[in-house]
Amino acid sequence: MDRSVSCHLEADIEGVADVTLSVAVAADAERAEESLAVTLDGRPVPATEILDDHGTRLHHLERLGPGRLRVDYAATVTGTAPAAPVTPVDLIRYVRPSRYCESDQLGAVARAEFAGLHDRDLVDAVSSWVGSRVAYISGSSRPTDGAVTTLLSRQGVCRDFAHLVIALLRACDVPARLVSVYAPGLAPMDFHAVAEAHVGGEWLALDATCLAPRPAMVRIATGRDAADTAFLTTAGDAVRMGDMEVVAVADPTLPIDDITQAVRLG
């Protein structure tokens, strides 16, 4: 299965700012083709690639502006990436509370709802519980909302679903983390966020939204929560987002996603 992915971003830089992009597929992905073009008011701007944890590829642009920033990225991903490695540090870092996954505040909820469950049974139960109790409503959450707010409001978008799954799993002592992905079949199309849980010595993908088939997803960035996986990070003067378009297509067809089966992100 091939996946063709792309994104187009535009933003207005009102003064001078540093910009970091996280839109390229992860380093382990097999790429038949790939391109990144960045311009400011039509003039090409060089980007420095920085390798972050778990194969995340950042593209950093220094002291841009003022002007209109345009970013065009495209790649064709072939085959399946190797299984994500598991390190001793992962098993410590990803069981801790984090900015948007306040597992330390959700211990009582997790123990009450998932008592007696372990391993795959626990992971599947948490994902199903979130998927059945939280409504997916575009624009219903704020960028600063975390898992606790999602639990109380019972609504959100993909990152909110993922944050709540991660927080509940960490509260049950299961290492869990967030992955931003290109997701063929997603509607409406956008960058997508899913959870990964450490089960049986490997990382398994969980998507409580069930909005796109997991076997077709392509990893972009991996981290504790959305603070580590933002597609755009700025420092300096104001940067105002403009147009954005994300495309992800599977060839020849979208795979079937059996939610009872374990899936590893490729």
Protein backbone atom coordinates (compact mmCIF):
# COMPACT_ATOMS: atom_id res chain seq x y z
CA MET A 1 0.00 0.00 0.00
CA ASP A 2 1.30 3.43 -0.99
CA ARG A 3 0.24 6.60 0.81
CA SER A 4 0.41 10.01 -0.87
CA VAL A 5 0.43 12.81 1.69
CA SER A 6 0.74 16.56 1.44
CA CYS A 7 0.04 19.79 3.26
CA HIS A 8 -0.17 23.44 2.29
CA LEU A 9 0.12 26.10 4.99
CA GLU A 10 -0.02 29.88 4.82
CA ALA A 11 0.61 32.34 7.64
CA ASP A 12 1.26 36.05 8.06
CA ILE A 13 4.32 36.99 10.10
CA GLU A 14 3.69 40.45 11.52
CA GLY A 15 7.25 41.14 12.64
CA VAL A 16 10.22 38.79 12.98
CA ALA A 17 9.77 35.23 14.24
CA ASP A 18 11.41 31.82 14.36
CA VAL A 19 9.18 29.08 12.92
CA THR A 20 9.45 25.32 13.43
CA LEU A 21 7.43 22.93 11.25
CA SER A 22 6.47 19.36 12.10
CA VAL A 23 4.81 18.26 8.86
CA ALA A 24 7.30 15.78 7.37
CA VAL A 25 6.73 12.04 7.77
CA ALA A 26 8.91 10.37 10.40
CA ALA A 27 12.43 9.34 9.52
CA ASP A 28 11.72 5.59 9.40
CA ALA A 29 9.07 5.92 6.67
CA GLU A 30 10.09 4.59 3.25
CA ARG A 31 9.72 7.50 0.87
CA ALA A 32 9.61 7.10 -2.91
CA GLU A 33 9.28 10.86 -3.31
CA GLU A 34 9.44 13.85 -0.97
CA SER A 35 9.58 17.62 -1.29
CA LEU A 36 9.42 20.66 0.99
CA ALA A 37 9.15 24.21 -0.34
CA VAL A 38 9.04 27.24 1.96
CA THR A 39 8.71 30.81 0.73
CA LEU A 40 8.31 34.24 2.31
CA ASP A 41 6.51 36.69 0.02
CA GLY A 42 7.41 34.38 -2.85
CA ARG A 43 11.13 34.15 -2.07
CA PRO A 44 12.56 30.71 -1.15
CA VAL A 45 13.56 30.26 2.50
CA PRO A 46 16.05 27.57 3.60
CA ALA A 47 14.92 25.21 6.36
CA THR A 48 17.24 23.33 8.72
CA GLU A 49 16.13 19.77 9.47
CA ILE A 50 16.45 18.72 13.12
CA LEU A 51 15.87 15.11 14.22
CA ASP A 52 13.80 14.86 17.39
CA ASP A 53 12.90 11.76 19.43
CA HIS A 54 11.27 8.74 17.76
CA GLY A 55 12.25 9.83 14.25
CA THR A 56 10.32 13.10 14.40
CA ARG A 57 11.73 15.49 11.79
CA LEU A 58 11.49 19.19 12.54
CA HIS A 59 12.20 21.92 9.98
CA HIS A 60 13.43 25.13 11.59
CA LEU A 61 13.36 28.60 10.01
CA GLU A 62 15.10 31.48 11.77
CA ARG A 63 14.25 35.18 11.91
CA LEU A 64 11.56 35.28 9.25
CA GLY A 65 9.38 38.22 8.38
CA PRO A 66 7.54 40.29 8.12
CA GLY A 67 5.60 38.78 5.23
CA ARG A 68 3.45 35.93 3.97
CA LEU A 69 4.82 32.47 4.76
CA ARG A 70 3.88 29.57 2.48
CA VAL A 71 4.75 25.94 3.14
CA ASP A 72 4.20 23.08 0.69
CA TYR A 73 5.16 19.54 1.69
CA ALA A 74 4.49 16.30 -0.20
CA ALA A 75 5.64 12.70 0.07
CA THR A 76 4.82 9.26 -1.25
CA VAL A 77 5.27 6.63 1.46
CA THR A 78 5.71 2.99 0.40
CA GLY A 79 5.53 -0.15 2.47
CA THR A 80 5.47 -0.24 6.26
CA ALA A 81 7.96 1.31 8.63
CA PRO A 82 9.65 -0.99 11.15
CA ALA A 83 8.03 -1.42 14.55
CA ALA A 84 8.66 1.56 16.82
CA PRO A 85 11.45 0.69 19.28
CA VAL A 86 10.84 0.54 23.02
CA THR A 87 13.50 2.00 25.31
CA PRO A 88 13.78 1.98 29.12
CA VAL A 89 13.36 5.76 29.09
CA ASP A 90 10.08 5.43 27.17
CA LEU A 91 8.63 3.23 29.89
CA ILE A 92 9.36 5.91 32.48
CA ARG A 93 8.59 9.08 30.51
CA TYR A 94 5.27 7.92 29.11
CA VAL A 95 3.75 6.78 32.38
CA ARG A 96 4.21 10.26 33.93
CA PRO A 97 1.53 12.97 33.88
CA SER A 98 2.09 15.67 31.25
CA ARG A 99 0.71 19.07 30.19
CA TYR A 100 -2.46 17.78 28.51
CA CYS A 101 -2.64 14.28 30.03
CA GLU A 102 -3.25 14.83 33.74
CA SER A 103 -3.16 11.17 34.75
CA ASP A 104 -2.42 12.11 38.36
CA GLN A 105 -5.90 13.66 38.57
CA LEU A 106 -7.69 10.72 36.97
CA GLY A 107 -6.51 7.85 39.13
CA ALA A 108 -9.83 7.38 40.93
CA VAL A 109 -11.79 7.36 37.66
CA ALA A 110 -9.41 4.90 36.03
CA ARG A 111 -9.42 2.52 39.01
CA ALA A 112 -13.22 2.58 39.24
CA GLU A 113 -13.88 2.03 35.55
CA PHE A 114 -11.14 -0.46 34.65
CA ALA A 115 -10.57 -2.50 37.81
CA GLY A 116 -9.35 -6.03 37.14
CA LEU A 117 -8.36 -5.42 33.50
CA HIS A 118 -4.84 -5.86 32.20
CA ASP A 119 -2.78 -5.75 28.99
CA ARG A 120 -4.83 -5.78 25.74
CA ASP A 121 -8.12 -6.07 27.61
CA LEU A 122 -7.33 -2.88 29.54
CA VAL A 123 -6.10 -0.94 26.51
CA ASP A 124 -9.10 -1.92 24.39
CA ALA A 125 -11.52 -1.11 27.22
CA VAL A 126 -10.08 2.39 27.72
CA SER A 127 -10.23 3.22 24.01
CA SER A 128 -13.81 1.93 23.72
CA TRP A 129 -14.88 3.76 26.90
CA VAL A 130 -13.58 7.09 25.58
CA GLY A 131 -15.03 6.50 22.12
CA SER A 132 -18.49 5.77 23.50
CA ARG A 133 -18.61 8.60 26.04
CA VAL A 134 -17.05 11.55 24.21
CA ALA A 135 -18.71 13.20 21.21
CA TYR A 136 -16.55 14.28 18.30
CA ILE A 137 -17.53 17.90 17.59
CA SER A 138 -15.31 20.08 15.40
CA GLY A 139 -14.29 23.31 17.11
CA SER A 140 -15.68 22.22 20.49
CA SER A 141 -12.42 22.44 22.43
CA ARG A 142 -9.75 25.04 23.10
CA PRO A 143 -6.03 24.54 22.39
CA THR A 144 -5.40 24.66 26.15
CA ASP A 145 -7.90 21.92 27.08
CA GLY A 146 -6.50 18.73 28.58
CA ALA A 147 -7.86 15.29 29.41
CA VAL A 148 -9.69 16.44 32.56
CA THR A 149 -11.62 19.10 30.64
CA THR A 150 -12.49 16.56 27.95
CA LEU A 151 -13.77 14.11 30.54
CA LEU A 152 -15.97 16.79 32.10
CA SER A 153 -17.30 18.26 28.85
CA ARG A 154 -17.67 14.88 27.07
CA GLN A 155 -16.79 16.44 23.72
CA GLY A 156 -13.74 17.31 21.69
CA VAL A 157 -11.66 16.65 18.59
CA CYS A 158 -9.08 13.97 17.85
CA ARG A 159 -6.36 15.32 20.13
CA ASP A 160 -8.86 15.47 23.02
CA PHE A 161 -9.85 11.83 22.50
CA ALA A 162 -6.18 10.84 22.37
CA HIS A 163 -5.29 12.86 25.47
CA LEU A 164 -8.05 11.25 27.50
CA VAL A 165 -7.08 7.74 26.37
CA ILE A 166 -3.44 8.43 27.25
CA ALA A 167 -4.25 9.94 30.65
CA LEU A 168 -6.49 7.04 31.67
CA LEU A 169 -3.91 4.47 30.57
CA ARG A 170 -1.11 6.23 32.44
CA ALA A 171 -3.36 6.32 35.52
CA CYS A 172 -3.45 2.51 35.16
CA ASP A 173 0.37 2.42 34.91
CA VAL A 174 0.39 1.73 31.16
CA PRO A 175 2.95 3.82 29.23
CA ALA A 176 1.09 5.79 26.56
CA ARG A 177 1.94 8.64 24.20
CA LEU A 178 0.50 10.79 21.42
CA VAL A 179 1.29 10.49 17.71
CA SER A 180 0.40 13.00 15.01
CA VAL A 181 -0.31 11.27 11.69
CA TYR A 182 -1.43 11.66 8.14
CA ALA A 183 -4.66 9.64 8.02
CA PRO A 184 -6.05 8.52 4.64
CA GLY A 185 -9.84 8.26 4.82
CA LEU A 186 -10.20 10.95 7.48
CA ALA A 187 -13.17 13.27 6.99
CA PRO A 188 -12.90 16.17 7.22
CA MET A 189 -9.26 15.81 6.18
CA ASP A 190 -6.71 17.35 8.56
CA PHE A 191 -3.71 16.40 10.64
CA HIS A 192 -4.87 13.62 12.96
CA ALA A 193 -3.86 12.58 16.50
CA VAL A 194 -3.95 9.06 17.94
CA ALA A 195 -2.63 7.33 21.03
CA GLU A 196 0.05 4.65 21.27
CA ALA A 197 0.11 2.27 24.24
CA HIS A 198 2.90 -0.05 25.34
CA VAL A 199 1.43 -3.56 25.46
CA GLY A 200 3.30 -6.85 25.35
CA GLY A 201 6.63 -5.23 24.59
CA GLU A 202 5.47 -3.12 21.64
CA TRP A 203 3.64 0.12 20.81
CA LEU A 204 0.04 -0.35 19.59
CA ALA A 205 -2.05 2.37 17.95
CA LEU A 206 -5.38 3.39 19.49
CA ASP A 207 -7.89 5.75 17.88
CA ALA A 208 -10.99 6.24 20.00
CA THR A 209 -12.56 8.40 17.25
CA CYS A 210 -12.57 5.51 14.73
CA LEU A 211 -12.54 8.18 11.99
CA ALA A 212 -9.84 6.60 9.79
CA PRO A 213 -8.28 3.15 9.35
CA ARG A 214 -5.18 2.78 11.51
CA PRO A 215 -3.25 0.54 9.06
CA ALA A 216 -3.11 3.40 6.53
CA MET A 217 -1.84 6.06 8.94
CA VAL A 218 1.64 7.56 8.54
CA ARG A 219 3.57 8.76 11.59
CA ILE A 220 4.68 12.41 11.70
CA ALA A 221 5.63 13.19 15.31
CA THR A 222 5.57 11.35 18.63
CA GLY A 223 5.62 12.75 22.16
CA ARG A 224 4.06 13.09 25.59
CA ASP A 225 1.03 15.00 24.26
CA ALA A 226 0.12 17.73 21.76
CA ALA A 227 2.75 20.04 23.23
CA ASP A 228 5.41 17.78 21.67
CA THR A 229 3.70 17.23 18.31
CA ALA A 230 2.40 20.63 17.15
CA PHE A 231 2.66 21.08 13.38
CA LEU A 232 3.67 24.75 13.83
CA THR A 233 5.71 26.31 16.64
CA THR A 234 6.66 29.99 16.68
CA ALA A 235 8.79 32.27 18.81
CA GLY A 236 9.01 36.05 18.45
CA ASP A 237 6.44 38.37 16.92
CA ALA A 238 2.87 37.32 16.07
CA VAL A 239 2.26 34.68 13.40
CA ARG A 240 -1.35 34.53 12.14
CA MET A 241 -2.47 31.29 10.51
CA GLY A 242 -4.14 31.60 7.13
CA ASP A 243 -5.07 28.85 4.69
CA MET A 244 -4.31 25.22 5.48
CA GLU A 245 -4.96 22.10 3.42
CA VAL A 246 -3.98 18.53 4.30
CA VAL A 247 -4.31 15.57 1.92
CA ALA A 248 -3.72 11.86 2.58
CA VAL A 249 -4.65 9.15 0.08
CA ALA A 250 -4.06 5.38 0.12
CA ASP A 251 -3.38 3.47 -3.10
CA PRO A 252 -4.94 1.26 -4.34
CA THR A 253 -7.66 1.25 -1.67
CA LEU A 254 -8.19 2.04 1.99
CA PRO A 255 -7.62 -0.98 4.24
CA ILE A 256 -10.28 -2.31 6.58
CA ASP A 257 -9.65 -1.49 10.24
CA ASP A 258 -10.78 -4.27 12.56
CA ILE A 259 -10.91 -2.54 15.95
CA THR A 260 -10.48 -5.92 17.70
CA GLN A 261 -7.02 -6.34 16.15
CA ALA A 262 -3.71 -4.90 17.33
CA VAL A 263 -2.26 -2.36 14.88
CA ARG A 264 1.26 -0.94 14.80
CA LEU A 265 1.79 2.39 13.07
CA GLY A 266 3.83 2.18 9.88
